Every structure is written in structure tokens, then in C-alpha cells.
Amino acid sequence: MKIADILTLVIGVIAIALAVYFFFWKYKTAASVHGDPKYLWMAIGATVVAFLCALAFFVKRVNKEEEIHITQ
């Protein structure tokens, strides 16, 4: 694995942890009955970052090996 892959993976895992923290902990335990929308937006942002990291990680893996032609 390259350092870029590891960095993408680490940032994605941290973003998932932050999304869970902001949504399930901070948003659900806010003083308001409906929760604090600030934490909801932070959770959505962290989820988007995690999705983009996962997308970048898996897009690099597609077609990594050269195709073997039938005539070879």
C-alpha cells in the first residue's frame, strides 16, 4: 500500500468516527427536543468526507493490473 492509500484510509475512518460522534452523541443528547442542527450538519459533512475518501480509495484499485488479451 502506498502512503496516499493509508492516508486516505485513516482520514476516512476518522471522518466516520466524527460522523457517529456528532450525530449519535452530540445531536441526540442536545438540550433541545429536536437536537442542535449544528451537530447534524457537522455529521453530514463528516459523512461526505468519509464517502469521498472511500471513493478515492476504491477508484484507484480498479484496473490496477493490465488486461491480458486473449491472443497472448
N, C-alpha and C. Protein backbone atom coordinates (compact mmCIF):
# COMPACT_ATOMS: atom_id res chain seq x y z
N MET A 1 0.84 -1.19 0.00
CA MET A 1 0.00 0.00 0.00
C MET A 1 0.89 1.25 0.00
N LYS A 2 0.44 2.21 -0.74
CA LYS A 2 1.16 3.47 -0.80
C LYS A 2 0.76 4.34 0.37
N ILE A 3 1.56 5.36 0.63
CA ILE A 3 1.27 6.28 1.74
C ILE A 3 -0.04 7.05 1.48
N ALA A 4 -0.34 7.33 0.22
CA ALA A 4 -1.59 8.04 -0.10
C ALA A 4 -2.80 7.17 0.23
N ASP A 5 -2.69 5.86 -0.02
CA ASP A 5 -3.79 4.95 0.31
C ASP A 5 -4.00 4.88 1.81
N ILE A 6 -2.92 4.80 2.55
CA ILE A 6 -3.02 4.74 4.01
C ILE A 6 -3.60 6.03 4.56
N LEU A 7 -3.16 7.17 4.03
CA LEU A 7 -3.68 8.46 4.48
C LEU A 7 -5.17 8.59 4.18
N THR A 8 -5.58 8.16 2.99
CA THR A 8 -7.00 8.19 2.64
C THR A 8 -7.81 7.31 3.57
N LEU A 9 -7.29 6.15 3.86
CA LEU A 9 -7.97 5.22 4.75
C LEU A 9 -8.10 5.79 6.17
N VAL A 10 -7.03 6.37 6.68
CA VAL A 10 -7.05 6.94 8.03
C VAL A 10 -8.02 8.13 8.11
N ILE A 11 -7.99 9.01 7.11
CA ILE A 11 -8.90 10.15 7.12
C ILE A 11 -10.35 9.68 7.03
N GLY A 12 -10.61 8.65 6.23
CA GLY A 12 -11.97 8.11 6.12
C GLY A 12 -12.47 7.52 7.43
N VAL A 13 -11.62 6.78 8.12
CA VAL A 13 -12.02 6.19 9.40
C VAL A 13 -12.26 7.27 10.45
N ILE A 14 -11.42 8.29 10.47
CA ILE A 14 -11.62 9.41 11.40
C ILE A 14 -12.92 10.15 11.08
N ALA A 15 -13.21 10.33 9.80
CA ALA A 15 -14.45 11.01 9.41
C ALA A 15 -15.67 10.20 9.82
N ILE A 16 -15.61 8.88 9.69
CA ILE A 16 -16.73 8.04 10.13
C ILE A 16 -16.92 8.16 11.64
N ALA A 17 -15.82 8.14 12.38
CA ALA A 17 -15.92 8.27 13.83
C ALA A 17 -16.51 9.62 14.22
N LEU A 18 -16.09 10.67 13.54
CA LEU A 18 -16.65 12.00 13.84
C LEU A 18 -18.12 12.09 13.48
N ALA A 19 -18.52 11.48 12.37
CA ALA A 19 -19.93 11.49 11.99
C ALA A 19 -20.79 10.79 13.03
N VAL A 20 -20.31 9.65 13.50
CA VAL A 20 -21.05 8.92 14.54
C VAL A 20 -21.09 9.73 15.83
N TYR A 21 -19.98 10.33 16.18
CA TYR A 21 -19.92 11.13 17.40
C TYR A 21 -20.87 12.33 17.33
N PHE A 22 -20.78 13.08 16.24
CA PHE A 22 -21.62 14.27 16.14
C PHE A 22 -23.09 13.92 16.03
N PHE A 23 -23.43 12.87 15.31
CA PHE A 23 -24.84 12.57 15.15
C PHE A 23 -25.40 11.82 16.35
N PHE A 24 -24.84 10.70 16.67
CA PHE A 24 -25.44 9.86 17.69
C PHE A 24 -25.21 10.38 19.10
N TRP A 25 -24.14 11.08 19.33
CA TRP A 25 -23.88 11.55 20.68
C TRP A 25 -24.29 13.00 20.87
N LYS A 26 -23.69 13.90 20.13
CA LYS A 26 -23.93 15.33 20.33
C LYS A 26 -25.33 15.76 19.88
N TYR A 27 -25.75 15.31 18.69
CA TYR A 27 -27.05 15.72 18.17
C TYR A 27 -28.19 15.13 18.99
N LYS A 28 -28.08 13.89 19.34
CA LYS A 28 -29.17 13.23 20.07
C LYS A 28 -29.25 13.65 21.54
N THR A 29 -28.14 14.10 22.13
CA THR A 29 -28.16 14.48 23.54
C THR A 29 -28.17 16.00 23.74
N ALA A 30 -28.49 16.76 22.68
CA ALA A 30 -28.55 18.22 22.80
C ALA A 30 -29.70 18.62 23.71
N ALA A 31 -29.62 19.83 24.23
CA ALA A 31 -30.62 20.30 25.19
C ALA A 31 -32.00 20.46 24.55
N SER A 32 -32.05 20.79 23.27
CA SER A 32 -33.32 20.97 22.57
C SER A 32 -33.98 19.62 22.31
N VAL A 33 -35.29 19.65 22.16
CA VAL A 33 -36.03 18.42 21.90
C VAL A 33 -35.67 17.86 20.53
N HIS A 34 -35.46 18.73 19.57
CA HIS A 34 -35.16 18.31 18.20
C HIS A 34 -33.66 18.22 17.93
N GLY A 35 -32.85 18.49 18.90
CA GLY A 35 -31.40 18.44 18.71
C GLY A 35 -30.87 19.76 18.16
N ASP A 36 -29.58 19.87 18.15
CA ASP A 36 -28.93 21.08 17.64
C ASP A 36 -28.56 20.86 16.18
N PRO A 37 -29.12 21.66 15.26
CA PRO A 37 -28.84 21.45 13.84
C PRO A 37 -27.36 21.60 13.47
N LYS A 38 -26.60 22.33 14.28
CA LYS A 38 -25.17 22.49 14.03
C LYS A 38 -24.47 21.14 14.01
N TYR A 39 -24.81 20.28 14.95
CA TYR A 39 -24.19 18.96 15.02
C TYR A 39 -24.66 18.06 13.87
N LEU A 40 -25.90 18.24 13.46
CA LEU A 40 -26.39 17.46 12.32
C LEU A 40 -25.61 17.81 11.06
N TRP A 41 -25.36 19.08 10.83
CA TRP A 41 -24.60 19.49 9.64
C TRP A 41 -23.15 19.03 9.73
N MET A 42 -22.59 19.03 10.93
CA MET A 42 -21.22 18.51 11.08
C MET A 42 -21.17 17.02 10.77
N ALA A 43 -22.19 16.29 11.20
CA ALA A 43 -22.26 14.85 10.92
C ALA A 43 -22.42 14.61 9.42
N ILE A 44 -23.23 15.41 8.75
CA ILE A 44 -23.41 15.26 7.31
C ILE A 44 -22.10 15.57 6.59
N GLY A 45 -21.40 16.61 7.01
CA GLY A 45 -20.11 16.95 6.40
C GLY A 45 -19.09 15.86 6.59
N ALA A 46 -19.01 15.30 7.79
CA ALA A 46 -18.07 14.21 8.05
C ALA A 46 -18.42 12.97 7.23
N THR A 47 -19.70 12.72 7.03
CA THR A 47 -20.13 11.59 6.21
C THR A 47 -19.72 11.78 4.76
N VAL A 48 -19.86 13.00 4.26
CA VAL A 48 -19.44 13.29 2.88
C VAL A 48 -17.94 13.09 2.73
N VAL A 49 -17.16 13.54 3.70
CA VAL A 49 -15.70 13.35 3.65
C VAL A 49 -15.37 11.86 3.66
N ALA A 50 -16.05 11.09 4.50
CA ALA A 50 -15.80 9.65 4.55
C ALA A 50 -16.16 8.99 3.23
N PHE A 51 -17.26 9.41 2.62
CA PHE A 51 -17.67 8.85 1.34
C PHE A 51 -16.64 9.17 0.25
N LEU A 52 -16.15 10.41 0.23
CA LEU A 52 -15.16 10.80 -0.77
C LEU A 52 -13.84 10.04 -0.58
N CYS A 53 -13.46 9.80 0.67
CA CYS A 53 -12.25 9.01 0.93
C CYS A 53 -12.41 7.58 0.47
N ALA A 54 -13.57 7.00 0.72
CA ALA A 54 -13.82 5.63 0.26
C ALA A 54 -13.85 5.56 -1.26
N LEU A 55 -14.45 6.56 -1.89
CA LEU A 55 -14.49 6.61 -3.34
C LEU A 55 -13.08 6.72 -3.92
N ALA A 56 -12.26 7.59 -3.35
CA ALA A 56 -10.89 7.76 -3.83
C ALA A 56 -10.08 6.49 -3.61
N PHE A 57 -10.30 5.81 -2.50
CA PHE A 57 -9.56 4.59 -2.19
C PHE A 57 -9.89 3.48 -3.19
N PHE A 58 -11.19 3.31 -3.51
CA PHE A 58 -11.59 2.21 -4.37
C PHE A 58 -11.43 2.52 -5.85
N VAL A 59 -11.49 3.79 -6.23
CA VAL A 59 -11.31 4.13 -7.64
C VAL A 59 -9.88 3.85 -8.08
N LYS A 60 -8.92 4.04 -7.20
CA LYS A 60 -7.53 3.74 -7.53
C LYS A 60 -7.30 2.25 -7.74
N ARG A 61 -8.13 1.42 -7.17
CA ARG A 61 -7.94 -0.02 -7.24
C ARG A 61 -8.48 -0.64 -8.52
N VAL A 62 -9.38 0.04 -9.21
CA VAL A 62 -9.99 -0.50 -10.41
C VAL A 62 -8.96 -0.52 -11.54
N ASN A 63 -8.90 -1.60 -12.24
CA ASN A 63 -7.99 -1.78 -13.37
C ASN A 63 -6.53 -1.53 -13.00
N LYS A 64 -6.14 -1.97 -11.84
CA LYS A 64 -4.76 -1.77 -11.42
C LYS A 64 -3.82 -2.66 -12.23
N GLU A 65 -4.26 -3.84 -12.56
CA GLU A 65 -3.46 -4.74 -13.37
C GLU A 65 -3.83 -4.57 -14.84
N GLU A 66 -2.85 -4.76 -15.68
CA GLU A 66 -3.13 -4.66 -17.10
C GLU A 66 -3.98 -5.85 -17.55
N GLU A 67 -4.77 -5.59 -18.57
CA GLU A 67 -5.61 -6.65 -19.10
C GLU A 67 -4.75 -7.66 -19.85
N ILE A 68 -5.13 -8.90 -19.76
CA ILE A 68 -4.46 -9.95 -20.52
C ILE A 68 -5.34 -10.24 -21.73
N HIS A 69 -4.80 -10.01 -22.90
CA HIS A 69 -5.57 -10.22 -24.12
C HIS A 69 -5.67 -11.70 -24.45
N ILE A 70 -6.72 -12.05 -25.11
CA ILE A 70 -6.98 -13.45 -25.42
C ILE A 70 -5.94 -14.03 -26.37
N THR A 71 -5.27 -13.16 -27.14
CA THR A 71 -4.28 -13.66 -28.10
C THR A 71 -2.93 -13.93 -27.48
N GLN A 72 -2.73 -13.59 -26.25
CA GLN A 72 -1.43 -13.77 -25.61
C GLN A 72 -1.28 -15.15 -25.02
